[in-house]
Protein backbone atom coordinates (compact mmCIF):
# COMPACT_ATOMS: atom_id res chain seq x y z
CA MET A 1 -30.79 -49.19 39.68
CA ARG A 2 -29.49 -52.73 40.44
CA LEU A 3 -30.68 -55.69 38.32
CA SER A 4 -29.95 -59.36 38.89
CA ASP A 5 -29.29 -61.90 36.12
CA MET A 6 -30.12 -65.46 37.14
CA SER A 7 -28.48 -68.53 35.49
CA ILE A 8 -29.77 -72.06 36.38
CA TYR A 9 -27.75 -75.16 35.57
CA CYS A 10 -29.49 -78.58 35.99
CA GLY A 11 -28.26 -82.14 35.55
CA GLY A 12 -25.80 -84.69 37.12
CA THR A 13 -22.24 -84.36 37.90
CA GLN A 14 -19.97 -84.13 34.89
CA ASP A 15 -16.30 -84.79 34.81
CA ILE A 16 -14.60 -82.36 32.42
CA GLY A 17 -10.87 -82.46 32.24
CA GLY A 18 -10.58 -83.82 35.71
CA ALA A 19 -12.80 -81.09 37.11
CA LYS A 20 -16.27 -81.70 38.38
CA VAL A 21 -19.16 -79.57 37.40
CA LEU A 22 -21.85 -79.40 39.91
CA ASN A 23 -25.34 -79.87 38.58
CA ASP A 24 -28.60 -78.32 39.82
CA GLN A 25 -26.84 -75.00 40.81
CA VAL A 26 -28.28 -71.50 40.37
CA VAL A 27 -25.80 -68.65 39.55
CA ILE A 28 -26.94 -65.11 40.06
CA THR A 29 -24.95 -62.20 38.50
CA ASP A 30 -25.65 -58.52 39.59
CA LYS A 31 -25.11 -55.44 37.25
CA VAL A 32 -26.28 -51.73 37.43
CA SER A 33 -28.66 -50.45 34.76
CA CYS A 34 -29.52 -46.64 34.40
CA PRO A 35 -32.25 -44.73 32.72
CA ALA A 36 -31.58 -42.50 29.57
CA GLY A 37 -29.45 -39.54 30.27
CA TYR A 38 -27.54 -41.30 33.00
CA MET A 39 -24.41 -43.33 32.96
CA VAL A 40 -23.03 -45.96 35.40
CA ILE A 41 -20.18 -44.64 37.49
CA GLY A 42 -19.06 -47.38 39.94
CA GLU A 43 -22.29 -48.84 41.20
CA ASN A 44 -24.27 -45.58 40.83
CA CYS A 45 -26.32 -43.93 38.07
CA VAL A 46 -25.03 -40.41 37.45
CA ALA A 47 -26.90 -37.85 35.23
CA CYS A 48 -24.87 -36.35 32.31
CA GLY A 49 -23.93 -32.75 33.20
CA MET A 50 -24.96 -29.51 31.49
CA GLY A 51 -23.45 -29.20 28.07
CA THR A 52 -23.37 -32.94 27.54
CA PHE A 53 -25.72 -35.68 26.50
CA TYR A 54 -25.82 -39.53 26.98
CA ASN A 55 -24.67 -41.38 23.85
CA SER A 56 -26.44 -44.69 23.93
CA THR A 57 -23.97 -46.21 21.49
CA SER A 58 -20.91 -45.43 23.49
CA GLN A 59 -22.82 -45.54 26.77
CA ASN A 60 -21.04 -42.42 27.82
CA CYS A 61 -21.81 -38.77 28.41
CA GLU A 62 -20.43 -36.65 25.58
CA PHE A 63 -20.15 -32.91 24.94
CA CYS A 64 -22.90 -31.22 22.90
CA PRO A 65 -21.46 -30.81 19.38
CA VAL A 66 -20.95 -27.50 17.61
CA GLY A 67 -24.22 -25.76 16.79
CA THR A 68 -25.99 -27.19 19.90
CA TYR A 69 -26.11 -26.57 23.65
CA GLY A 70 -27.17 -28.42 26.75
CA SER A 71 -28.89 -26.23 29.31
CA SER A 72 -29.89 -28.97 31.80
CA THR A 73 -28.52 -32.31 33.10
CA GLY A 74 -29.45 -35.79 32.08
CA LEU A 75 -30.07 -34.96 28.34
CA LYS A 76 -30.45 -37.72 25.72
CA GLU A 77 -29.72 -35.06 23.04
CA CYS A 78 -28.67 -31.46 22.97
CA ASN A 79 -30.77 -28.35 21.81
CA SER A 80 -30.05 -26.96 18.38
CA CYS A 81 -29.09 -23.22 17.93
CA GLY A 82 -31.36 -22.84 14.96
CA SER A 83 -30.87 -21.80 11.38
CA GLY A 84 -27.88 -19.49 10.62
CA LYS A 85 -26.49 -19.77 14.13
CA THR A 86 -23.84 -21.87 15.76
CA THR A 87 -21.65 -22.18 18.81
CA LEU A 88 -17.92 -21.55 18.66
CA GLY A 89 -17.09 -25.00 19.99
CA VAL A 90 -18.46 -28.01 21.82
CA GLY A 91 -20.12 -28.31 25.27
CA TYR A 92 -21.98 -25.00 25.44
CA THR A 93 -24.73 -24.72 28.01
CA SER A 94 -26.98 -21.88 26.87
CA ASN A 95 -28.81 -20.36 23.89
CA ILE A 96 -26.91 -17.19 24.47
CA ASP A 97 -23.82 -19.13 23.40
CA CYS A 98 -25.33 -19.37 19.89
CA VAL A 99 -23.85 -16.78 17.50
CA VAL A 100 -24.10 -15.93 13.89
CA GLY A 101 -22.32 -18.57 11.81
CA CYS A 102 -19.67 -16.43 10.06
CA PRO A 103 -18.80 -17.45 6.46
CA VAL A 104 -15.37 -18.45 5.26
CA GLY A 105 -12.91 -15.55 5.18
CA GLU A 106 -14.54 -14.05 8.36
CA PHE A 107 -14.55 -14.64 12.09
CA TRP A 108 -16.81 -13.87 15.09
CA ASP A 109 -15.18 -10.93 16.95
CA GLY A 110 -17.50 -11.14 19.94
CA SER A 111 -20.24 -8.92 18.49
CA GLU A 112 -20.32 -9.55 14.77
CA CYS A 113 -18.63 -11.14 11.88
CA SER A 114 -15.38 -9.44 10.75
CA PHE A 115 -13.00 -10.09 7.85
CA CYS A 116 -9.79 -11.94 8.55
CA SER A 117 -6.94 -9.37 8.74
CA LYS A 118 -4.29 -9.21 6.03
CA HIS A 119 -1.95 -12.12 6.09
CA TYR A 120 -4.55 -14.38 7.74
CA TYR A 121 -7.24 -16.66 6.26
CA GLN A 122 -10.20 -18.76 7.45
CA ASN A 123 -11.50 -21.69 5.31
CA MET A 124 -14.16 -22.84 7.75
CA THR A 125 -17.45 -21.30 8.86
CA GLY A 126 -18.60 -20.38 12.34
CA LYS A 127 -15.09 -19.64 13.81
CA ASP A 128 -13.92 -16.98 16.11
CA TYR A 129 -10.33 -16.90 14.80
CA CYS A 130 -8.39 -16.92 11.54
CA PHE A 131 -5.20 -18.86 10.57
CA PRO A 132 -1.93 -16.92 10.00
CA CYS A 133 -0.04 -17.30 6.70
CA PRO A 134 3.33 -19.03 6.99
CA LEU A 135 6.36 -16.88 7.61
CA GLY A 136 7.40 -14.95 4.46
CA ARG A 137 3.94 -15.22 2.88
CA LYS A 138 1.21 -12.54 2.72
CA THR A 139 -2.22 -11.96 1.47
CA SER A 140 -3.02 -9.01 -0.74
CA GLY A 141 -5.99 -7.90 1.31
CA MET A 142 -8.45 -8.81 4.05
CA GLY A 143 -11.02 -11.57 4.05
CA SER A 144 -8.92 -14.43 2.56
CA ASN A 145 -10.60 -17.76 2.71
CA SER A 146 -7.93 -20.15 1.73
CA PHE A 147 -4.32 -21.00 2.39
CA SER A 148 -3.71 -20.70 -1.35
CA GLN A 149 -4.20 -16.94 -0.97
CA CYS A 150 -1.06 -16.65 1.03
CA PHE A 151 1.58 -15.60 -1.61
CA ASP A 152 5.26 -15.05 -1.36
CA ASP A 153 6.03 -11.43 -0.32
CA CYS A 154 6.92 -8.94 -3.11
CA PRO A 155 10.23 -7.19 -3.44
CA GLU A 156 10.57 -3.55 -2.24
CA GLY A 157 9.10 -0.99 -4.65
CA THR A 158 6.35 -3.38 -5.71
CA GLU A 159 2.94 -4.28 -4.35
CA LEU A 160 1.17 -7.63 -4.09
CA LYS A 161 -2.14 -7.89 -6.13
CA PRO A 162 -4.99 -10.33 -5.55
CA ASP A 163 -3.80 -12.63 -8.31
CA GLY A 164 -0.50 -13.01 -6.54
CA LYS A 165 1.49 -10.83 -9.00
CA CYS A 166 3.81 -8.07 -7.90
CA VAL A 167 3.26 -4.68 -9.51
CA GLU A 168 5.57 -1.60 -9.39
CA CYS A 169 4.59 1.24 -7.17
CA PRO A 170 3.55 4.22 -9.54
CA ARG A 171 5.26 7.57 -9.49
CA ARG A 172 4.57 9.50 -6.25
CA TYR A 173 4.36 6.22 -4.28
CA TYR A 174 6.92 4.01 -2.53
CA ARG A 175 7.19 0.76 -0.54
CA SER A 176 9.73 -0.89 1.68
CA PHE A 177 9.46 -4.20 3.50
CA LEU A 178 7.90 -2.32 6.34
CA GLU A 179 4.78 -1.49 4.39
CA ASP A 180 2.13 -3.87 3.05
CA VAL A 181 1.11 -1.54 0.13
CA CYS A 182 2.62 1.31 -1.80
CA MET A 183 2.50 4.51 0.26
CA GLU A 184 1.81 8.02 -1.05
CA CYS A 185 4.50 10.67 -0.75
CA PRO A 186 3.98 13.62 1.62
CA THR A 187 1.95 16.46 0.18
CA GLY A 188 3.77 18.55 -2.46
CA ASN A 189 6.42 15.93 -3.21
CA THR A 190 6.79 13.07 -5.64
CA THR A 191 9.29 10.44 -6.75
CA ALA A 192 11.49 10.57 -9.87
CA GLY A 193 9.73 7.51 -11.32
CA ASN A 194 8.06 4.15 -10.64
CA GLY A 195 9.19 1.49 -8.21
CA SER A 196 10.53 3.66 -5.41
CA THR A 197 11.58 1.74 -2.30
CA SER A 198 11.62 4.33 0.49
CA LYS A 199 10.20 7.68 1.71
CA ASP A 200 13.54 9.26 0.97
CA SER A 201 12.74 8.95 -2.73
CA CYS A 202 9.96 11.55 -2.35
CA ASP A 203 12.49 14.34 -2.89
CA MET A 204 11.01 16.05 -6.01
CA THR A 205 8.66 19.09 -5.82
CA ILE A 206 5.32 18.57 -7.64
CA CYS A 207 4.84 21.20 -10.34
CA TYR A 208 1.28 21.61 -11.63
CA ASN A 209 0.01 22.68 -15.08
CA GLY A 210 1.19 26.02 -16.29
CA THR A 211 4.57 25.43 -14.60
CA TYR A 212 7.56 23.12 -15.00
CA ARG A 213 10.22 21.87 -12.54
CA ASN A 214 13.60 23.46 -12.74
CA LYS A 215 15.71 20.33 -12.25
CA THR A 216 18.74 22.23 -11.07
CA ALA A 217 16.98 24.15 -8.24
CA ASN A 218 14.16 21.66 -7.73
CA VAL A 219 11.60 24.49 -7.85
CA CYS A 220 8.53 25.13 -9.94
CA GLU A 221 8.63 27.91 -12.52
CA PRO A 222 5.92 29.34 -14.70
CA CYS A 223 6.02 28.50 -18.39
CA PRO A 224 7.64 31.45 -20.25
CA ILE A 225 5.76 33.55 -22.77
CA GLY A 226 5.29 31.61 -25.97
CA GLU A 227 4.94 28.27 -24.15
CA TYR A 228 2.28 26.38 -22.19
CA GLN A 229 1.92 23.07 -20.22
CA PRO A 230 -1.46 21.38 -19.64
CA ASN A 231 -0.06 18.51 -17.41
CA ASP A 232 1.39 18.25 -13.90
CA LEU A 233 4.77 16.81 -13.00
CA GLN A 234 6.56 18.09 -16.17
CA GLU A 235 10.08 19.34 -16.48
CA GLU A 236 9.62 21.43 -19.58
CA CYS A 237 6.86 23.43 -21.36
CA ILE A 238 5.46 23.12 -24.85
CA LYS A 239 6.17 25.84 -27.45
CA CYS A 240 3.33 27.50 -29.31
CA PRO A 241 3.20 27.03 -33.10
CA GLU A 242 5.08 29.32 -35.39
CA ASN A 243 3.67 32.84 -35.40
CA TYR A 244 1.66 32.16 -32.28
CA SER A 245 2.44 33.24 -28.71
CA THR A 246 1.02 33.53 -25.28
CA LYS A 247 0.58 37.05 -23.80
CA ALA A 248 1.73 36.15 -20.27
CA ALA A 249 3.75 33.49 -18.51
CA GLY A 250 2.20 30.47 -16.73
CA LYS A 251 -0.32 29.38 -19.41
CA ASN A 252 -1.67 25.84 -19.43
CA SER A 253 -3.61 25.43 -22.69
CA ARG A 254 -2.94 25.41 -26.44
CA THR A 255 -5.81 27.89 -26.77
CA ASP A 256 -3.67 30.48 -24.85
CA CYS A 257 -1.46 30.70 -27.98
CA LYS A 258 -2.64 33.62 -30.05
CA PHE A 259 -1.71 34.62 -33.56
CA SER A 260 1.02 37.20 -33.57
CA ASN A 261 3.49 38.40 -36.24
CA ASP A 262 5.92 39.04 -33.41
CA THR A 263 6.32 35.74 -31.45
CA SER A 264 8.80 37.51 -29.16
CA TYR A 265 5.98 39.65 -27.71
CA ASN A 266 6.03 40.00 -24.00
CA GLU A 267 4.55 42.19 -21.38
CA SER A 268 7.26 44.80 -21.67
CA ASP A 269 6.25 45.28 -25.38
CA LYS A 270 2.93 46.85 -24.39
CA VAL A 271 2.37 50.35 -25.88
CA SER A 272 2.42 53.11 -23.33
CA PRO A 273 -0.91 54.89 -22.67
CA HIS A 274 0.93 58.23 -23.47
CA TYR A 275 1.25 56.99 -27.04
CA TYR A 276 -2.49 56.75 -27.46
CA ILE A 277 -3.05 60.20 -25.86
CA GLY A 278 -0.60 61.67 -28.43
CA VAL A 279 -2.20 60.06 -31.35
CA GLY A 280 -5.61 61.02 -30.19
CA GLY A 281 -4.57 64.63 -29.79
CA ALA A 282 -3.16 64.75 -33.30
CA ILE A 283 -6.37 63.34 -34.70
CA LEU A 284 -8.47 66.05 -32.89
CA VAL A 285 -6.22 68.74 -34.38
CA LEU A 286 -6.71 67.39 -37.86
CA VAL A 287 -10.50 67.24 -37.40
CA ALA A 288 -10.53 70.86 -36.17
CA LEU A 289 -8.46 72.06 -39.16
CA SER A 290 -10.73 70.17 -41.60
CA VAL A 291 -13.84 71.82 -40.08
CA ILE A 292 -12.27 75.33 -40.29
CA PHE A 293 -11.23 74.86 -44.00
CA GLY A 294 -14.60 73.31 -44.76
CA ARG A 295 -16.46 76.35 -43.41
CA MET A 296 -14.22 78.63 -45.33
CA PHE A 297 -14.87 76.72 -48.55
CA CYS A 298 -18.61 76.81 -47.98
CA ARG A 299 -18.62 80.61 -47.42
CA HIS A 300 -16.65 81.06 -50.61
CA ARG A 301 -19.27 79.26 -52.53
CA ALA A 302 -22.06 81.21 -50.78
CA ASN A 303 -20.57 84.54 -51.99
CA LYS A 304 -20.99 83.72 -55.69
CA PRO A 305 -23.44 85.90 -57.76
CA LYS A 306 -27.05 85.37 -57.02
CA SER A 307 -27.81 84.54 -60.63
CA PHE A 308 -25.66 81.44 -60.10
CA TYR A 309 -28.33 80.11 -57.76
CA LEU A 310 -31.29 81.21 -59.72
CA ASP A 311 -30.48 78.99 -62.68
CA ASN A 312 -32.27 75.65 -62.86
CA LEU A 313 -30.49 72.82 -60.99
CA THR A 314 -31.10 69.30 -62.34
CA THR A 315 -30.75 65.98 -60.53
CA GLY A 316 -31.85 62.32 -60.77
CA ASP A 317 -34.47 60.37 -58.95
CA ARG A 318 -32.95 60.50 -55.48
CA PRO A 319 -31.73 64.01 -54.62
CA GLU A 320 -29.93 62.83 -51.47
CA ASP A 321 -27.76 60.31 -53.42
CA THR A 322 -27.00 62.04 -56.73
CA TYR A 323 -25.17 65.04 -57.99
CA THR A 324 -26.65 68.32 -59.24
CA GLY A 325 -25.01 70.36 -61.88
CA LEU A 326 -24.74 74.06 -61.32
CA SER A 327 -25.32 75.82 -64.61
CA ASN A 328 -22.85 78.68 -64.11
CA SER A 329 -20.05 76.64 -62.75
CA GLU A 330 -18.26 73.33 -63.24
CA GLU A 331 -18.73 72.50 -59.67
CA TYR A 332 -21.03 69.71 -58.44
CA THR A 333 -22.78 69.16 -55.17
CA THR A 334 -25.63 67.04 -53.66
CA ILE A 335 -29.07 68.50 -52.91
CA ASN A 336 -28.53 67.67 -49.20
CA GLU A 337 -25.34 69.68 -49.22
CA MET A 338 -27.24 72.61 -50.79
CA ASN A 339 -29.69 72.45 -47.96
CA GLU A 340 -26.88 72.44 -45.39
CA LEU A 341 -25.39 75.60 -47.01
CA SER A 342 -28.71 77.54 -47.04
CA GLU A 343 -27.62 79.76 -44.12
CA ASP A 344 -24.39 80.82 -45.82
CA MET A 345 -26.23 81.52 -49.07
CA ASN A 346 -28.45 84.09 -47.25
CA MET A 347 -31.45 82.05 -48.25
CA ARG A 348 -34.35 81.19 -45.98
CA THR A 349 -35.35 78.00 -47.84
CA LEU A 350 -34.65 75.89 -50.83
CA ARG A 351 -37.72 74.65 -52.55
CA VAL A 352 -37.65 71.37 -54.49
CA SER A 353 -40.12 70.97 -57.42
CA THR A 354 -40.51 67.84 -59.47
CA ALA A 355 -41.35 67.70 -63.14
CA SER A 356 -41.89 64.60 -65.17
CA THR A 357 -38.23 64.16 -65.89
CA ASP A 358 -36.30 66.53 -63.68
CA THR A 359 -36.06 67.85 -60.15
CA TYR A 360 -35.48 71.61 -59.70
CA LEU A 361 -34.01 73.54 -56.79
CA THR A 362 -34.85 77.19 -56.67
CA PRO A 363 -33.63 79.60 -54.02
CA THR A 364 -36.64 81.43 -52.59
CA GLY A 365 -37.15 84.27 -50.28
CA PRO A 366 -35.50 87.63 -50.08
CA PRO A 367 -31.85 88.03 -48.90
CA ASN A 368 -31.33 88.66 -45.17
């Protein structure tokens, strides 16, 4: 659009510095003026392109700022992405360019927010990249959100912690400059101690409870009889208390120590089964002999004169527990024993009669 500015000067001729100013002249000045969203280029009005807007202050087309987009031409302002979303830079042209505004310590990886990798950081929101730490500096983990979390690298055999301190690798772990963290030894192996600096340090066999490591041969051996070991990675076993011993090798608890007068007991000291067979046989022989002699003794008593049994036999209140005096002899027996001997005495029965003070046993029935 072309506009004309008209200036009118009236009056007589004036002499200014030797120059004459003509009066009663009209001066017309032309300039181009454009509507909102357009800017003047040469003598034409050109609409601001997609992804830009017309800045009335600067009278220029400028890129849509971060968090907005321009999907058409000739915009006076750009469209906002909305709450929680942003663009990854300026000059975007579509709402599909709006992504989640990732927090500090994270970046947009093309589909979601991800933590910054180790040795990188991001102190701004809504970015699709992270800054690297300077050479020789590292972070202790992922998701760092400040340059201050880039610490000097730790020496070999140690590991960087979140507070920036270097801590020794524990036993069974190692770290060289090639690793970020302490690495575990291969299965079945360990290191001699803490602070190991290479995988070559994993040269010791792991011995578990009930065993110990033979340092000379670098092999695991069971704890000997009389000793135990409840812990792994030990190079000796613990002796049982005095007069206590284990009954086998390879024990892992104090409770395996049993009382024994012979602390040198071992598996070879076990008594042979033949010993028990011999002892049992001897006992059976003794029992048989005692039965034979007992029967002979009983028959001897049964052959005494009949008058011996016809005399009164006295006892106390409990015939089965007390002794009965035999009037014709100095021998004593219980009433129950008398009943057991009834067959040998050629008696059919023994009758018990109770008076006010005494109990009487009287053999009855004719002889067989």
